[in-house]
Protein backbone atom coordinates (compact mmCIF):
# COMPACT_ATOMS: atom_id res chain seq x y z
CA MET A 1 122.06 111.50 90.43
CA LYS A 2 121.65 111.28 93.74
CA PHE A 3 120.76 109.20 96.62
CA LEU A 4 117.40 108.87 98.34
CA ARG A 5 117.03 106.88 101.55
CA MET A 6 113.54 105.19 101.97
CA ASN A 7 112.26 104.33 105.42
CA PRO A 8 111.21 102.65 107.63
CA LYS A 9 113.26 99.82 106.31
CA GLY A 10 116.25 101.86 105.85
CA ASN A 11 116.76 101.00 102.42
CA LEU A 12 119.03 103.24 100.26
CA TYR A 13 118.21 103.77 96.53
CA TYR A 14 120.10 105.63 93.76
CA VAL A 15 118.39 107.98 91.19
CA PHE A 16 119.61 108.66 87.90
CA VAL A 17 117.66 112.09 87.43
CA ASP A 18 118.91 112.54 83.76
CA GLY A 19 118.19 109.19 82.43
CA LYS A 20 118.94 105.78 82.31
CA PRO A 21 123.02 104.81 83.37
CA HIS A 22 125.65 103.94 81.12
CA LYS A 23 126.13 100.39 80.37
CA ASN A 24 129.51 100.10 82.35
CA LEU A 25 127.87 101.98 85.56
CA GLU A 26 125.06 99.63 85.17
CA ASN A 27 127.36 96.53 85.21
CA PHE A 28 128.81 97.84 88.30
CA LEU A 29 125.38 98.13 90.05
CA LYS A 30 124.76 94.75 89.21
CA ALA A 31 128.20 93.69 90.49
CA ILE A 32 127.61 94.97 93.76
CA GLY A 33 124.28 93.49 94.13
CA ALA A 34 121.89 96.56 93.42
CA VAL A 35 118.58 95.89 91.83
CA GLU A 36 116.74 98.01 89.48
CA GLU A 37 113.43 98.62 90.40
CA PRO A 38 110.73 97.25 87.79
CA GLY A 39 109.06 99.96 85.67
CA THR A 40 111.76 102.60 86.21
CA ASP A 41 113.56 102.30 82.83
CA GLY A 42 116.81 101.83 84.64
CA MET A 43 116.37 105.20 86.52
CA LEU A 44 115.78 103.64 90.21
CA TRP A 45 118.16 101.25 91.93
CA LYS A 46 117.79 99.66 95.25
CA LEU A 47 121.27 99.15 96.67
CA PRO A 48 122.11 96.23 98.97
CA LYS A 49 122.20 96.84 102.73
CA LEU A 50 125.73 97.70 104.03
CA SER A 51 127.49 94.43 104.79
CA GLU A 52 130.99 93.03 104.68
CA GLU A 53 130.17 91.28 101.65
CA THR A 54 128.83 94.27 100.22
CA ILE A 55 132.03 96.46 101.06
CA CYS A 56 134.07 93.25 99.69
CA ARG A 57 132.19 93.64 96.16
CA TYR A 58 132.45 97.49 96.35
CA PHE A 59 136.39 96.99 96.76
CA GLU A 60 136.71 94.35 94.23
CA GLN A 61 135.00 96.68 91.67
CA LEU A 62 136.96 99.77 92.26
CA THR A 63 140.59 98.22 92.85
CA GLY A 64 140.23 94.78 91.02
CA ILE A 65 141.49 93.06 94.17
CA GLN A 66 139.71 90.22 95.93
CA GLN A 67 139.85 91.00 99.95
CA THR A 68 137.80 89.98 102.75
CA ASP A 69 139.76 91.57 105.62
CA LEU A 70 138.42 95.13 106.19
CA ASN A 71 141.58 96.53 107.92
CA GLU A 72 143.69 95.24 105.20
CA MET A 73 141.22 97.36 102.71
CA VAL A 74 141.89 100.10 104.94
CA LYS A 75 145.53 100.15 104.88
CA TYR A 76 145.53 99.43 100.98
CA LEU A 77 143.35 102.54 100.14
CA GLU A 78 145.25 104.62 102.68
CA ASN A 79 148.65 103.49 100.99
CA ILE A 80 147.73 104.08 97.55
CA LEU A 81 145.73 107.45 98.41
CA SER A 82 148.78 108.59 99.78
CA SER A 83 151.43 107.61 97.37
CA SER A 84 149.56 108.32 94.13
CA GLN A 85 150.67 111.65 93.16
CA GLY A 86 149.54 111.88 89.39
CA PHE A 87 148.90 108.13 89.09
CA LEU A 88 145.03 108.54 89.74
CA SER A 89 142.53 111.28 88.37
CA LYS A 90 140.73 113.44 90.75
CA ALA A 91 137.59 111.45 90.33
CA GLN A 92 139.48 108.06 91.04
CA LYS A 93 140.77 109.55 94.27
CA ASP A 94 137.58 110.55 94.99
CA ARG A 95 135.83 107.16 94.35
CA LEU A 96 138.67 105.49 96.50
CA ARG A 97 138.52 108.31 99.57
CA GLY A 98 134.46 107.36 99.59
CA LEU A 99 135.07 103.50 99.61
CA LEU A 100 137.69 104.26 102.59
CA GLU A 101 135.15 106.65 104.39
CA LEU A 102 132.37 103.68 104.00
CA ILE A 103 134.78 100.87 105.31
CA ARG A 104 135.84 103.12 108.55
CA TYR A 105 132.09 103.71 109.01
CA PHE A 106 131.25 100.55 108.71
CA ILE A 107 134.22 99.27 110.93
CA PHE A 108 133.05 101.90 113.62
CA SER A 109 129.43 101.08 113.53
CA LYS A 110 129.90 97.31 114.15
CA GLY A 111 132.02 98.65 117.45
């Protein structure tokens, strides 16, 4: 699996190089607004443009919490990552850290 950035529009795609994604991952992609590219048998997905709405969908899918305030999301993620000794698997922590970095990047880029 890997990300591909397609220009000039700056669209972001996710490619599954080892075959079609599992159903739960496919459901996650649909829930965050990703669209399967026609004729690719589920191996190429166009991700939605990064926006507050998209981040809210990512956050809800990964945490199960509906939240619209980006700063509250950052506080929640920082808290759970700093106090989750043994509570979260390495993969779960990595996903939440990635989401935290994405939210911080988005806040910073909005200026």
